[in-house]
Amino acid sequence: MQEIVCGRAGKAFVENTKSCRCECPALIRLQRSNSMDNGWYIADKRCHTKVSSRK
């Protein structure tokens, strides 16, 4: 299994910093197919959440 996550996933290590991390849950979870072609399939996907912009 492989997970490809959003670049904004996670939380900033230090608060009050200019970090683009906003705990975005977006990801694609890939799993190997059982066929002989050694392929992959998308087992799960989560979309981006709407984040209010700071001004």
N, C-alpha and C. Protein backbone atom coordinates (compact mmCIF):
# COMPACT_ATOMS: atom_id res chain seq x y z
N MET A 1 0.85 -1.18 0.00
CA MET A 1 0.00 0.00 0.00
C MET A 1 0.90 1.24 0.00
N GLN A 2 0.49 2.24 -0.75
CA GLN A 2 1.18 3.53 -0.80
C GLN A 2 0.15 4.62 -0.58
N GLU A 3 0.53 5.64 0.17
CA GLU A 3 -0.34 6.80 0.36
C GLU A 3 0.36 8.03 -0.20
N ILE A 4 -0.35 8.75 -1.04
CA ILE A 4 0.15 10.02 -1.57
C ILE A 4 -0.71 11.10 -0.93
N VAL A 5 -0.10 11.94 -0.12
CA VAL A 5 -0.85 12.93 0.65
C VAL A 5 -0.62 14.34 0.09
N CYS A 6 -1.48 15.24 0.48
CA CYS A 6 -1.38 16.63 0.09
C CYS A 6 -0.14 17.27 0.72
N GLY A 7 0.44 18.23 0.03
CA GLY A 7 1.60 18.94 0.56
C GLY A 7 1.26 19.78 1.78
N ARG A 8 -0.01 20.00 2.04
CA ARG A 8 -0.44 20.77 3.21
C ARG A 8 -0.88 19.87 4.36
N ALA A 9 -0.65 18.58 4.22
CA ALA A 9 -1.03 17.64 5.28
C ALA A 9 -0.18 17.87 6.52
N GLY A 10 -0.69 17.49 7.65
CA GLY A 10 0.06 17.62 8.89
C GLY A 10 -0.17 18.95 9.58
N LYS A 11 0.59 19.15 10.61
CA LYS A 11 0.45 20.34 11.45
C LYS A 11 1.81 21.01 11.57
N ALA A 12 1.83 22.30 11.68
CA ALA A 12 3.09 23.03 11.86
C ALA A 12 3.74 22.60 13.17
N PHE A 13 5.06 22.46 13.15
CA PHE A 13 5.77 22.03 14.36
C PHE A 13 5.75 23.12 15.44
N VAL A 14 5.81 24.36 14.99
CA VAL A 14 5.81 25.49 15.92
C VAL A 14 4.63 26.38 15.56
N GLU A 15 3.84 26.74 16.56
CA GLU A 15 2.71 27.62 16.29
C GLU A 15 3.20 29.03 15.99
N ASN A 16 2.33 29.83 15.37
CA ASN A 16 2.61 31.22 15.00
C ASN A 16 3.75 31.34 14.00
N THR A 17 3.87 30.37 13.10
CA THR A 17 4.85 30.47 12.03
C THR A 17 4.11 30.55 10.70
N LYS A 18 4.80 30.97 9.68
CA LYS A 18 4.19 31.02 8.35
C LYS A 18 4.32 29.65 7.71
N SER A 19 3.41 28.79 8.05
CA SER A 19 3.42 27.44 7.52
C SER A 19 2.19 27.23 6.65
N CYS A 20 2.35 26.49 5.58
CA CYS A 20 1.20 26.20 4.72
C CYS A 20 0.48 24.94 5.20
N ARG A 21 0.96 24.30 6.24
CA ARG A 21 0.32 23.09 6.74
C ARG A 21 -0.98 23.44 7.45
N CYS A 22 -2.04 22.79 7.01
CA CYS A 22 -3.36 23.11 7.57
C CYS A 22 -4.16 21.84 7.86
N GLU A 23 -3.46 20.74 8.10
CA GLU A 23 -4.09 19.45 8.40
C GLU A 23 -5.04 19.00 7.29
N CYS A 24 -4.68 19.25 6.06
CA CYS A 24 -5.50 18.87 4.91
C CYS A 24 -5.58 17.33 4.84
N PRO A 25 -6.79 16.79 4.76
CA PRO A 25 -6.93 15.33 4.75
C PRO A 25 -6.81 14.69 3.36
N ALA A 26 -6.54 15.49 2.33
CA ALA A 26 -6.52 14.95 0.97
C ALA A 26 -5.44 13.89 0.80
N LEU A 27 -5.83 12.76 0.21
CA LEU A 27 -4.88 11.70 -0.08
C LEU A 27 -5.43 10.75 -1.12
N ILE A 28 -4.55 9.98 -1.70
CA ILE A 28 -4.91 8.86 -2.56
C ILE A 28 -4.19 7.66 -1.99
N ARG A 29 -4.92 6.60 -1.69
CA ARG A 29 -4.33 5.37 -1.16
C ARG A 29 -4.32 4.32 -2.28
N LEU A 30 -3.13 3.87 -2.63
CA LEU A 30 -2.96 2.92 -3.72
C LEU A 30 -2.64 1.53 -3.15
N GLN A 31 -3.22 0.51 -3.79
CA GLN A 31 -2.91 -0.86 -3.42
C GLN A 31 -2.59 -1.66 -4.66
N ARG A 32 -1.80 -2.70 -4.49
CA ARG A 32 -1.44 -3.58 -5.61
C ARG A 32 -2.65 -4.39 -6.04
N SER A 33 -2.79 -4.56 -7.35
CA SER A 33 -3.86 -5.41 -7.86
C SER A 33 -3.42 -6.87 -7.77
N ASN A 34 -4.38 -7.76 -7.76
CA ASN A 34 -4.08 -9.18 -7.64
C ASN A 34 -3.74 -9.82 -8.98
N SER A 35 -3.84 -9.06 -10.04
CA SER A 35 -3.60 -9.61 -11.37
C SER A 35 -2.10 -9.80 -11.61
N MET A 36 -1.78 -10.43 -12.71
CA MET A 36 -0.39 -10.73 -13.05
C MET A 36 0.35 -9.53 -13.63
N ASP A 37 -0.33 -8.39 -13.85
CA ASP A 37 0.32 -7.25 -14.49
C ASP A 37 1.06 -6.33 -13.51
N ASN A 38 1.09 -6.70 -12.24
CA ASN A 38 1.77 -5.89 -11.21
C ASN A 38 1.24 -4.46 -11.18
N GLY A 39 -0.04 -4.29 -11.40
CA GLY A 39 -0.64 -2.95 -11.42
C GLY A 39 -1.04 -2.46 -10.05
N TRP A 40 -1.55 -1.24 -10.03
CA TRP A 40 -2.03 -0.59 -8.81
C TRP A 40 -3.47 -0.15 -9.03
N TYR A 41 -4.23 0.00 -7.97
CA TYR A 41 -5.56 0.59 -8.06
C TYR A 41 -5.78 1.53 -6.89
N ILE A 42 -6.67 2.49 -7.06
CA ILE A 42 -6.99 3.45 -6.01
C ILE A 42 -7.97 2.82 -5.05
N ALA A 43 -7.54 2.59 -3.83
CA ALA A 43 -8.37 1.96 -2.81
C ALA A 43 -9.19 2.99 -2.03
N ASP A 44 -8.66 4.21 -1.93
CA ASP A 44 -9.34 5.25 -1.16
C ASP A 44 -8.87 6.60 -1.67
N LYS A 45 -9.77 7.58 -1.62
CA LYS A 45 -9.37 8.95 -1.95
C LYS A 45 -10.14 9.90 -1.03
N ARG A 46 -9.48 10.94 -0.64
CA ARG A 46 -10.10 11.98 0.18
C ARG A 46 -9.78 13.32 -0.46
N CYS A 47 -10.79 14.15 -0.55
CA CYS A 47 -10.65 15.45 -1.22
C CYS A 47 -10.18 16.52 -0.24
N HIS A 48 -9.74 17.63 -0.82
CA HIS A 48 -9.31 18.78 -0.03
C HIS A 48 -10.51 19.38 0.70
N THR A 49 -10.25 19.96 1.85
CA THR A 49 -11.27 20.71 2.55
C THR A 49 -11.10 22.18 2.21
N LYS A 50 -12.14 22.92 2.31
CA LYS A 50 -12.06 24.35 2.03
C LYS A 50 -11.47 25.04 3.26
N VAL A 51 -10.41 25.79 3.02
CA VAL A 51 -9.73 26.50 4.10
C VAL A 51 -9.93 27.98 3.89
N SER A 52 -10.31 28.67 4.94
CA SER A 52 -10.48 30.11 4.81
C SER A 52 -9.11 30.75 4.69
N SER A 53 -9.01 31.70 3.79
CA SER A 53 -7.73 32.37 3.57
C SER A 53 -7.50 33.44 4.63
N ARG A 54 -6.24 33.58 5.00
CA ARG A 54 -5.87 34.61 5.97
C ARG A 54 -5.46 35.88 5.24
N LYS A 55 -5.85 37.02 5.78
CA LYS A 55 -5.47 38.30 5.17
C LYS A 55 -4.65 39.11 6.11
